[in-house]
Amino acid sequence: MKLKTLSTAILLATVPMTGAFAAALDRSGQSISAFLQPGNYFEAGISVLDPDVSGKANANNSNLSDMGDDYYFPSAALKLQLTDNFSFGLIYDQPFGADATYSTTDQVLNPLTGEGLFHNGSESTKVEVKTQNISMLFGFQPNENLNFYAGPVYQTVKGDVQLRGLAYGGSSTFGSYDANIKEDGSVGWLAGFAYQIPDIALKASLTYRSEIDHDAKTTETFNTGLFAGFNALPNSDTSITTPQSVNLDFQTGIMADTVAFANVRWVEWSNFSIRPPKFGTASVQAPVVASTGKPNGFDLVAYSDDQISATVGVGRKVNDQWAGNVSVGYDTGAGNPVSTLGPTEGYWNVGLGLQFSPAPNYFIAGGVKYFWLGDANAQSGAQFNTPATVAKFEDNHALAYGLKIGYRF
């Protein structure tokens, strides 16, 4: 088999979960590999992640039960080769997200109120964030080797946050806070180029995605305590800017029916923060400033570092119907200490993928990844940019698995 047909026989994104449990809120990895497939092509996939994230409270070393919720995210892509020189593509994914719920049964730290670190006895801290992207790509191929592409990206974002427990000052302050961030849509853009030498199955691409600014209508409530009077203030918009990123992808044939591949991704999380209006107003009140030493207040969530992740692996065609790959991945995380709403710092992972092609023009692929999640010290928003923490999360892991179908026409 010639090397130039390997990109058809082996789809290196066999499992549609490049990120799955990456730093901060990163989830899908934002691959454009479907757009670089030859000819007309369609694919659809789904990924599922089952994390196990538990820790211990600093106050008395009591156990904190698994707070990482299972979640799934779909993906789909369509690529049309309109002429020899022009192509068009649509890619749907869910690039950023969070799903976490702390237990209400963890040890009570304040017997007078019944509160624990992340619960008030009946309700617990939880967060859910969901984004959706539709990327529209227009490609120009001046020759067999080069491909220049760019296009708009439409993105929606929404979320729900419930803070409970002594980690946030208890029910008298931020431990009674709820926020419903309603879905907002906005537009960004992407651009990049790819270079390939089909005879040796070499393909490299560099893709930049812009920041996307949102102003999402938000309903905030302080259920009890010092800031309950803030509920009378009008609800307003929360400014959210999802981060810019760069993806570098590379593959090349290394022997008959075998390719090596690599992906490197950078995401600018160090410039990301969320501060809903009433939350921000509460954070600059005199009693809060006296305890935090932050006259300018603090964010609900923020990150100190940018994320860099990398995956390397090998794919091999076994015969005309079967192909597979193995990979190893690493993610730096977005800083440590980390937010209590996502208390892990990066990961190592290993992955296995398998692809079955009943006919040359379509395939079914699946795979699995096992993640060793990085140990992290967790802190509330009020403690950000200080060494103070409330809990430690160690020896955690996650299992991801996915399924994809692809069709060439």
Protein backbone atom coordinates (compact mmCIF):
# COMPACT_ATOMS: atom_id res chain seq x y z
CA MET A 1 0.00 0.00 0.00
CA LYS A 2 1.33 3.46 -0.90
CA LEU A 3 1.92 5.91 1.90
CA LYS A 4 -0.17 8.59 0.21
CA THR A 5 -3.35 6.61 0.87
CA LEU A 6 -2.69 6.32 4.59
CA SER A 7 -4.54 9.51 5.48
CA THR A 8 -7.63 7.80 4.08
CA ALA A 9 -7.00 4.43 5.70
CA ILE A 10 -6.05 5.71 9.15
CA LEU A 11 -7.95 8.57 10.71
CA LEU A 12 -5.72 9.76 13.49
CA ALA A 13 -8.59 11.39 15.37
CA THR A 14 -10.12 7.95 15.83
CA VAL A 15 -11.56 8.88 19.21
CA PRO A 16 -13.39 12.24 19.13
CA MET A 17 -12.06 13.41 22.50
CA THR A 18 -8.75 15.16 22.02
CA GLY A 19 -9.15 17.16 25.21
CA ALA A 20 -11.90 15.43 27.20
CA PHE A 21 -10.44 16.43 30.60
CA ALA A 22 -8.01 19.19 29.76
CA ALA A 23 -6.96 22.27 31.71
CA ALA A 24 -9.50 24.78 33.01
CA LEU A 25 -12.70 24.43 30.93
CA ASP A 26 -11.07 23.00 27.79
CA ARG A 27 -12.97 20.00 26.46
CA SER A 28 -13.03 19.10 22.74
CA GLY A 29 -9.55 20.19 21.63
CA GLN A 30 -11.09 22.06 18.65
CA SER A 31 -9.62 19.84 15.94
CA ILE A 32 -10.09 20.73 12.26
CA SER A 33 -8.78 17.36 10.98
CA ALA A 34 -12.09 16.58 9.23
CA PHE A 35 -11.68 19.67 7.03
CA LEU A 36 -8.28 18.39 5.84
CA GLN A 37 -9.62 15.06 4.64
CA PRO A 38 -9.47 14.49 0.86
CA GLY A 39 -12.59 14.92 -1.28
CA ASN A 40 -16.08 15.20 0.18
CA TYR A 41 -16.38 13.92 3.72
CA PHE A 42 -18.80 13.75 6.67
CA GLU A 43 -18.29 12.52 10.22
CA ALA A 44 -20.20 12.43 13.50
CA GLY A 45 -19.03 11.31 16.92
CA ILE A 46 -19.73 11.28 20.61
CA SER A 47 -17.38 11.18 23.58
CA VAL A 48 -18.13 10.26 27.19
CA LEU A 49 -15.96 11.07 30.18
CA ASP A 50 -16.19 9.38 33.58
CA PRO A 51 -13.96 11.25 36.08
CA ASP A 52 -13.20 10.35 39.69
CA VAL A 53 -12.09 13.48 41.55
CA SER A 54 -11.94 13.35 45.34
CA GLY A 55 -9.81 15.00 48.00
CA LYS A 56 -9.39 16.06 51.61
CA ALA A 57 -10.36 19.23 53.47
CA ASN A 58 -7.43 21.17 54.88
CA ALA A 59 -9.33 22.03 58.08
CA ASN A 60 -9.38 18.50 59.54
CA ASN A 61 -8.17 16.21 56.74
CA SER A 62 -11.70 14.86 56.28
CA ASN A 63 -12.57 13.13 53.02
CA LEU A 64 -14.27 14.91 50.14
CA SER A 65 -16.24 12.50 47.97
CA ASP A 66 -16.02 12.28 44.17
CA MET A 67 -17.23 15.65 42.82
CA GLY A 68 -16.60 15.11 39.10
CA ASP A 69 -19.84 14.44 37.20
CA ASP A 70 -19.93 12.22 34.11
CA TYR A 71 -20.60 14.07 30.89
CA TYR A 72 -20.76 13.56 27.15
CA PHE A 73 -20.22 15.83 24.18
CA PRO A 74 -21.08 15.26 20.51
CA SER A 75 -19.22 16.46 17.42
CA ALA A 76 -19.89 16.56 13.69
CA ALA A 77 -18.20 17.85 10.54
CA LEU A 78 -18.92 18.28 6.84
CA LYS A 79 -16.28 19.01 4.23
CA LEU A 80 -17.01 19.70 0.55
CA GLN A 81 -14.35 19.93 -2.14
CA LEU A 82 -16.15 22.42 -4.38
CA THR A 83 -13.45 22.58 -7.07
CA ASP A 84 -9.81 21.54 -7.35
CA ASN A 85 -8.83 24.80 -5.62
CA PHE A 86 -11.70 25.64 -3.25
CA SER A 87 -13.22 23.77 -0.31
CA PHE A 88 -15.88 24.50 2.29
CA GLY A 89 -16.44 23.01 5.73
CA LEU A 90 -18.68 23.09 8.79
CA ILE A 91 -17.51 21.79 12.18
CA TYR A 92 -19.71 21.44 15.28
CA ASP A 93 -18.21 20.83 18.70
CA GLN A 94 -18.55 21.78 22.37
CA PRO A 95 -15.12 23.30 23.09
CA PHE A 96 -15.45 24.38 26.72
CA GLY A 97 -17.46 23.10 29.66
CA ALA A 98 -17.67 22.01 33.28
CA ASP A 99 -19.77 19.54 35.26
CA ALA A 100 -19.20 19.14 38.99
CA THR A 101 -21.29 18.45 42.09
CA TYR A 102 -19.95 18.15 45.62
CA SER A 103 -21.56 15.74 48.07
CA THR A 104 -23.89 16.85 50.89
CA THR A 105 -22.71 13.95 53.07
CA ASP A 106 -19.08 15.01 53.60
CA GLN A 107 -18.08 15.73 57.17
CA VAL A 108 -19.75 18.67 58.95
CA LEU A 109 -17.12 21.25 59.91
CA ASN A 110 -19.47 23.65 61.72
CA PRO A 111 -21.84 21.73 64.06
CA LEU A 112 -23.82 24.91 64.81
CA THR A 113 -24.89 25.47 61.20
CA GLY A 114 -24.50 21.92 59.81
CA GLU A 115 -22.16 23.20 57.10
CA GLY A 116 -19.28 21.36 55.55
CA LEU A 117 -16.58 22.68 53.26
CA PHE A 118 -18.78 22.49 50.15
CA HIS A 119 -22.33 22.01 51.50
CA ASN A 120 -24.81 23.55 53.94
CA GLY A 121 -26.29 20.26 55.11
CA SER A 122 -28.98 20.04 52.44
CA GLU A 123 -27.47 21.64 49.32
CA SER A 124 -23.98 21.42 47.86
CA THR A 125 -21.70 23.38 45.58
CA LYS A 126 -22.21 22.56 41.92
CA VAL A 127 -21.41 24.03 38.53
CA GLU A 128 -22.44 23.35 34.96
CA VAL A 129 -21.03 25.25 31.97
CA LYS A 130 -21.77 24.43 28.34
CA THR A 131 -20.57 25.96 25.09
CA GLN A 132 -21.33 25.13 21.47
CA ASN A 133 -19.35 26.08 18.37
CA ILE A 134 -20.18 26.06 14.69
CA SER A 135 -17.05 26.81 12.66
CA MET A 136 -17.40 27.72 8.98
CA LEU A 137 -14.23 27.18 6.96
CA PHE A 138 -13.37 28.40 3.46
CA GLY A 139 -10.28 26.80 2.00
CA PHE A 140 -8.05 27.71 -0.94
CA GLN A 141 -5.64 25.14 -2.34
CA PRO A 142 -3.32 26.76 -4.91
CA ASN A 143 -1.61 23.42 -5.51
CA GLU A 144 -1.47 19.86 -4.21
CA ASN A 145 0.69 20.83 -1.23
CA LEU A 146 -0.83 23.98 0.27
CA ASN A 147 -4.18 24.76 1.86
CA PHE A 148 -5.08 28.17 3.28
CA TYR A 149 -8.30 28.42 5.27
CA ALA A 150 -10.27 30.87 7.38
CA GLY A 151 -13.82 31.59 8.46
CA PRO A 152 -16.26 32.77 11.12
CA VAL A 153 -17.10 30.86 14.30
CA TYR A 154 -20.48 31.14 16.01
CA GLN A 155 -20.38 30.25 19.71
CA THR A 156 -22.96 29.98 22.47
CA VAL A 157 -22.25 29.83 26.20
CA LYS A 158 -24.43 29.25 29.25
CA GLY A 159 -23.95 28.14 32.84
CA ASP A 160 -25.31 27.55 36.32
CA VAL A 161 -23.35 27.96 39.55
CA GLN A 162 -24.39 27.19 43.12
CA LEU A 163 -21.94 27.93 45.96
CA ARG A 164 -22.49 26.30 49.34
CA GLY A 165 -20.28 25.69 52.35
CA LEU A 166 -17.48 27.12 54.41
CA ALA A 167 -15.07 27.25 51.45
CA TYR A 168 -16.99 30.35 50.34
CA GLY A 169 -17.47 31.94 53.76
CA GLY A 170 -20.57 29.95 54.74
CA SER A 171 -24.24 30.80 54.32
CA SER A 172 -23.73 34.32 55.72
CA THR A 173 -21.70 35.41 52.66
CA PHE A 174 -20.86 33.71 49.35
CA GLY A 175 -21.93 30.25 50.55
CA SER A 176 -25.54 31.09 49.69
CA TYR A 177 -24.88 32.35 46.15
CA ASP A 178 -26.62 31.16 42.97
CA ALA A 179 -26.06 32.33 39.38
CA ASN A 180 -27.95 31.39 36.24
CA ILE A 181 -26.03 32.59 33.17
CA LYS A 182 -28.46 32.45 30.28
CA GLU A 183 -27.36 31.30 26.85
CA ASP A 184 -25.63 33.97 24.77
CA GLY A 185 -24.38 33.75 21.19
CA SER A 186 -21.47 35.62 19.65
CA VAL A 187 -19.06 35.42 16.71
CA GLY A 188 -15.29 34.96 16.45
CA TRP A 189 -13.01 33.67 13.72
CA LEU A 190 -10.31 31.17 12.84
CA ALA A 191 -7.51 31.07 10.28
CA GLY A 192 -4.70 28.73 9.37
CA PHE A 193 -2.80 26.84 6.75
CA ALA A 194 -1.82 23.26 6.01
CA TYR A 195 1.04 21.69 4.07
CA GLN A 196 1.09 18.15 2.79
CA ILE A 197 3.21 15.77 0.73
CA PRO A 198 0.80 12.93 -0.11
CA ASP A 199 3.47 10.53 -1.37
CA ILE A 200 4.94 10.21 2.13
CA ALA A 201 1.67 10.77 4.06
CA LEU A 202 3.04 14.02 5.46
CA LYS A 203 0.52 16.59 6.65
CA ALA A 204 1.03 19.58 8.93
CA SER A 205 -1.42 22.31 9.92
CA LEU A 206 -1.40 25.40 12.12
CA THR A 207 -4.75 26.88 13.22
CA TYR A 208 -5.47 30.03 15.22
CA ARG A 209 -8.83 30.68 16.91
CA SER A 210 -9.74 34.11 18.22
CA GLU A 211 -11.20 35.14 21.53
CA ILE A 212 -14.99 35.39 21.54
CA ASP A 213 -16.71 38.04 23.69
CA HIS A 214 -20.08 37.37 25.34
CA ASP A 215 -22.47 39.49 27.38
CA ALA A 216 -24.79 36.92 28.94
CA LYS A 217 -27.93 37.87 30.86
CA THR A 218 -27.49 36.63 34.42
CA THR A 219 -29.84 36.08 37.35
CA GLU A 220 -27.98 36.15 40.69
CA THR A 221 -29.32 35.35 44.14
CA PHE A 222 -27.89 35.49 47.65
CA ASN A 223 -30.30 33.27 49.56
CA THR A 224 -29.34 34.31 53.09
CA GLY A 225 -26.86 36.40 55.01
CA LEU A 226 -25.02 39.66 54.55
CA PHE A 227 -25.80 40.14 50.85
CA ALA A 228 -29.45 39.05 50.72
CA GLY A 229 -30.40 42.70 50.16
CA PHE A 230 -28.52 42.61 46.84
CA ASN A 231 -31.39 40.55 45.39
CA ALA A 232 -33.29 43.83 44.99
CA LEU A 233 -30.65 45.09 42.56
CA PRO A 234 -31.56 44.63 38.86
CA ASN A 235 -30.06 41.63 37.11
CA SER A 236 -27.58 42.47 34.37
CA ASP A 237 -25.09 40.92 31.97
CA THR A 238 -21.96 38.94 32.77
CA SER A 239 -19.00 39.58 30.47
CA ILE A 240 -17.29 36.34 29.41
CA THR A 241 -14.43 36.10 26.92
CA THR A 242 -13.59 32.58 25.84
CA PRO A 243 -9.85 32.26 25.18
CA GLN A 244 -7.81 32.40 22.01
CA SER A 245 -5.93 29.24 21.05
CA VAL A 246 -3.44 27.74 18.61
CA ASN A 247 -3.38 24.13 17.40
CA LEU A 248 -0.40 22.54 15.63
CA ASP A 249 -1.00 19.12 14.04
CA PHE A 250 1.55 16.93 12.30
CA GLN A 251 1.69 13.45 10.78
CA THR A 252 4.09 11.58 8.53
CA GLY A 253 4.61 8.09 7.20
CA ILE A 254 7.41 6.25 8.96
CA MET A 255 7.18 2.81 7.31
CA ALA A 256 4.77 0.81 5.16
CA ASP A 257 1.17 1.22 6.40
CA THR A 258 2.34 3.20 9.47
CA VAL A 259 2.21 6.88 10.38
CA ALA A 260 3.40 8.87 13.37
CA PHE A 261 1.34 11.83 14.54
CA ALA A 262 1.48 14.69 17.03
CA ASN A 263 -0.74 17.51 18.24
CA VAL A 264 0.26 20.53 20.32
CA ARG A 265 -2.34 22.99 21.66
CA TRP A 266 -2.00 26.32 23.46
CA VAL A 267 -4.93 28.06 25.16
CA GLU A 268 -4.67 31.48 26.85
CA TRP A 269 -6.43 30.73 30.14
CA SER A 270 -4.30 33.25 32.08
CA ASN A 271 -6.46 36.06 30.63
CA PHE A 272 -9.77 34.37 31.46
CA SER A 273 -12.07 35.24 34.35
CA ILE A 274 -15.78 35.39 35.23
CA ARG A 275 -17.18 38.01 37.61
CA PRO A 276 -20.99 38.28 37.57
CA PRO A 277 -22.17 41.81 38.50
CA LYS A 278 -23.76 41.19 41.92
CA PHE A 279 -20.98 38.78 42.88
CA GLY A 280 -18.44 41.48 41.99
CA THR A 281 -20.34 44.12 43.98
CA ALA A 282 -20.42 41.85 47.02
CA SER A 283 -16.68 41.17 46.72
CA VAL A 284 -15.80 44.85 47.27
CA GLN A 285 -17.94 45.37 50.37
CA ALA A 286 -15.99 46.53 53.44
CA PRO A 287 -16.39 43.32 55.54
CA VAL A 288 -15.20 41.21 52.59
CA VAL A 289 -12.25 43.47 51.80
CA ALA A 290 -11.25 43.36 55.46
CA SER A 291 -11.05 39.58 55.38
CA THR A 292 -9.54 39.14 51.89
CA GLY A 293 -7.30 42.18 51.61
CA LYS A 294 -8.56 42.71 48.04
CA PRO A 295 -9.97 46.23 47.68
CA ASN A 296 -10.72 45.60 43.99
CA GLY A 297 -12.71 42.46 44.75
CA PHE A 298 -12.25 39.05 43.13
CA ASP A 299 -13.64 36.79 40.42
CA LEU A 300 -15.97 33.82 40.67
CA VAL A 301 -13.37 31.85 38.72
CA ALA A 302 -10.00 32.71 37.15
CA TYR A 303 -6.79 30.94 36.10
CA SER A 304 -3.17 31.92 36.56
CA ASP A 305 -1.42 30.08 33.68
CA ASP A 306 -1.91 29.27 30.02
CA GLN A 307 -2.55 25.68 29.01
CA ILE A 308 -0.19 23.70 26.80
CA SER A 309 -1.15 20.16 25.86
CA ALA A 310 0.45 17.60 23.56
CA THR A 311 -0.42 14.20 22.15
CA VAL A 312 1.90 11.87 20.22
CA GLY A 313 1.19 8.47 18.78
CA VAL A 314 1.40 5.92 16.00
CA GLY A 315 -1.33 4.70 13.65
CA ARG A 316 -1.15 1.53 11.59
CA LYS A 317 -3.26 -0.06 8.87
CA VAL A 318 -3.56 -3.80 9.55
CA ASN A 319 -5.46 -4.67 6.36
CA ASP A 320 -8.04 -3.11 4.04
CA GLN A 321 -10.69 -3.12 6.78
CA TRP A 322 -8.87 -2.65 10.08
CA ALA A 323 -6.61 0.11 11.42
CA GLY A 324 -5.66 1.28 14.88
CA ASN A 325 -3.58 3.72 16.86
CA VAL A 326 -1.94 4.22 20.24
CA SER A 327 -1.20 7.60 21.81
CA VAL A 328 0.22 9.33 24.86
CA GLY A 329 -0.94 12.77 26.01
CA TYR A 330 0.17 15.44 28.47
CA ASP A 331 -1.50 18.64 29.69
CA THR A 332 0.24 21.27 31.82
CA GLY A 333 -2.93 22.50 33.50
CA ALA A 334 -3.78 26.19 33.98
CA GLY A 335 -2.01 26.82 37.26
CA ASN A 336 -1.90 25.49 40.81
CA PRO A 337 -3.60 26.30 43.19
CA VAL A 338 -6.76 25.79 41.13
CA SER A 339 -10.41 26.71 41.41
CA THR A 340 -12.58 24.60 43.71
CA LEU A 341 -14.98 24.36 40.73
CA GLY A 342 -12.42 22.25 38.82
CA PRO A 343 -9.73 20.96 41.18
CA THR A 344 -7.23 19.16 38.94
CA GLU A 345 -3.97 20.34 37.39
CA GLY A 346 -3.46 18.86 33.93
CA TYR A 347 -2.96 15.15 33.22
CA TRP A 348 -1.09 12.33 31.57
CA ASN A 349 -3.09 9.92 29.43
CA VAL A 350 -2.77 6.86 27.21
CA GLY A 351 -5.19 6.05 24.42
CA LEU A 352 -6.12 3.17 22.14
CA GLY A 353 -8.21 3.49 18.99
CA LEU A 354 -9.63 1.01 16.48
CA GLN A 355 -11.20 1.65 13.09
CA PHE A 356 -13.29 -0.73 10.96
CA SER A 357 -13.97 0.08 7.29
CA PRO A 358 -16.57 -2.27 5.76
CA ALA A 359 -16.08 -0.43 2.45
CA PRO A 360 -13.49 2.07 1.22
CA ASN A 361 -15.89 5.02 1.56
CA TYR A 362 -17.08 4.66 5.17
CA PHE A 363 -15.86 3.56 8.59
CA ILE A 364 -16.79 3.07 12.23
CA ALA A 365 -14.17 3.97 14.85
CA GLY A 366 -13.96 3.80 18.62
CA GLY A 367 -11.45 4.12 21.36
CA VAL A 368 -10.63 4.71 24.98
CA LYS A 369 -8.33 6.99 26.97
CA TYR A 370 -7.23 6.66 30.58
CA PHE A 371 -6.25 9.88 32.39
CA TRP A 372 -4.00 10.29 35.43
CA LEU A 373 -5.22 13.68 36.67
CA GLY A 374 -2.69 16.05 38.22
CA ASP A 375 -2.74 16.68 41.98
CA ALA A 376 -4.03 20.13 42.89
CA ASN A 377 -4.55 22.47 45.82
CA ALA A 378 -8.01 24.03 45.59
CA GLN A 379 -8.93 27.59 46.52
CA SER A 380 -11.99 29.80 46.37
CA GLY A 381 -12.16 32.90 44.20
CA ALA A 382 -11.41 35.07 47.23
CA GLN A 383 -8.07 33.24 47.64
CA PHE A 384 -6.96 33.55 43.99
CA ASN A 385 -3.38 34.78 43.55
CA THR A 386 -2.55 33.88 47.16
CA PRO A 387 -1.05 30.66 48.60
CA ALA A 388 -4.19 30.07 50.69
CA THR A 389 -6.19 26.91 49.90
CA VAL A 390 -9.12 24.99 51.37
CA ALA A 391 -8.55 21.44 50.13
CA LYS A 392 -6.17 19.08 48.35
CA PHE A 393 -7.15 16.69 45.53
CA GLU A 394 -4.73 13.82 44.84
CA ASP A 395 -4.45 10.48 43.01
CA ASN A 396 -7.45 11.11 40.76
CA HIS A 397 -8.23 9.67 37.36
CA ALA A 398 -10.73 9.64 34.52
CA LEU A 399 -11.83 7.25 31.78
CA ALA A 400 -12.95 8.53 28.39
CA TYR A 401 -14.39 6.60 25.50
CA GLY A 402 -15.83 7.58 22.18
CA LEU A 403 -17.41 6.46 18.93
CA LYS A 404 -17.22 8.02 15.46
CA ILE A 405 -18.63 7.28 12.02
CA GLY A 406 -17.25 8.71 8.80
CA TYR A 407 -18.44 8.73 5.17
CA ARG A 408 -16.75 9.79 1.94
CA PHE A 409 -18.87 10.77 -1.04
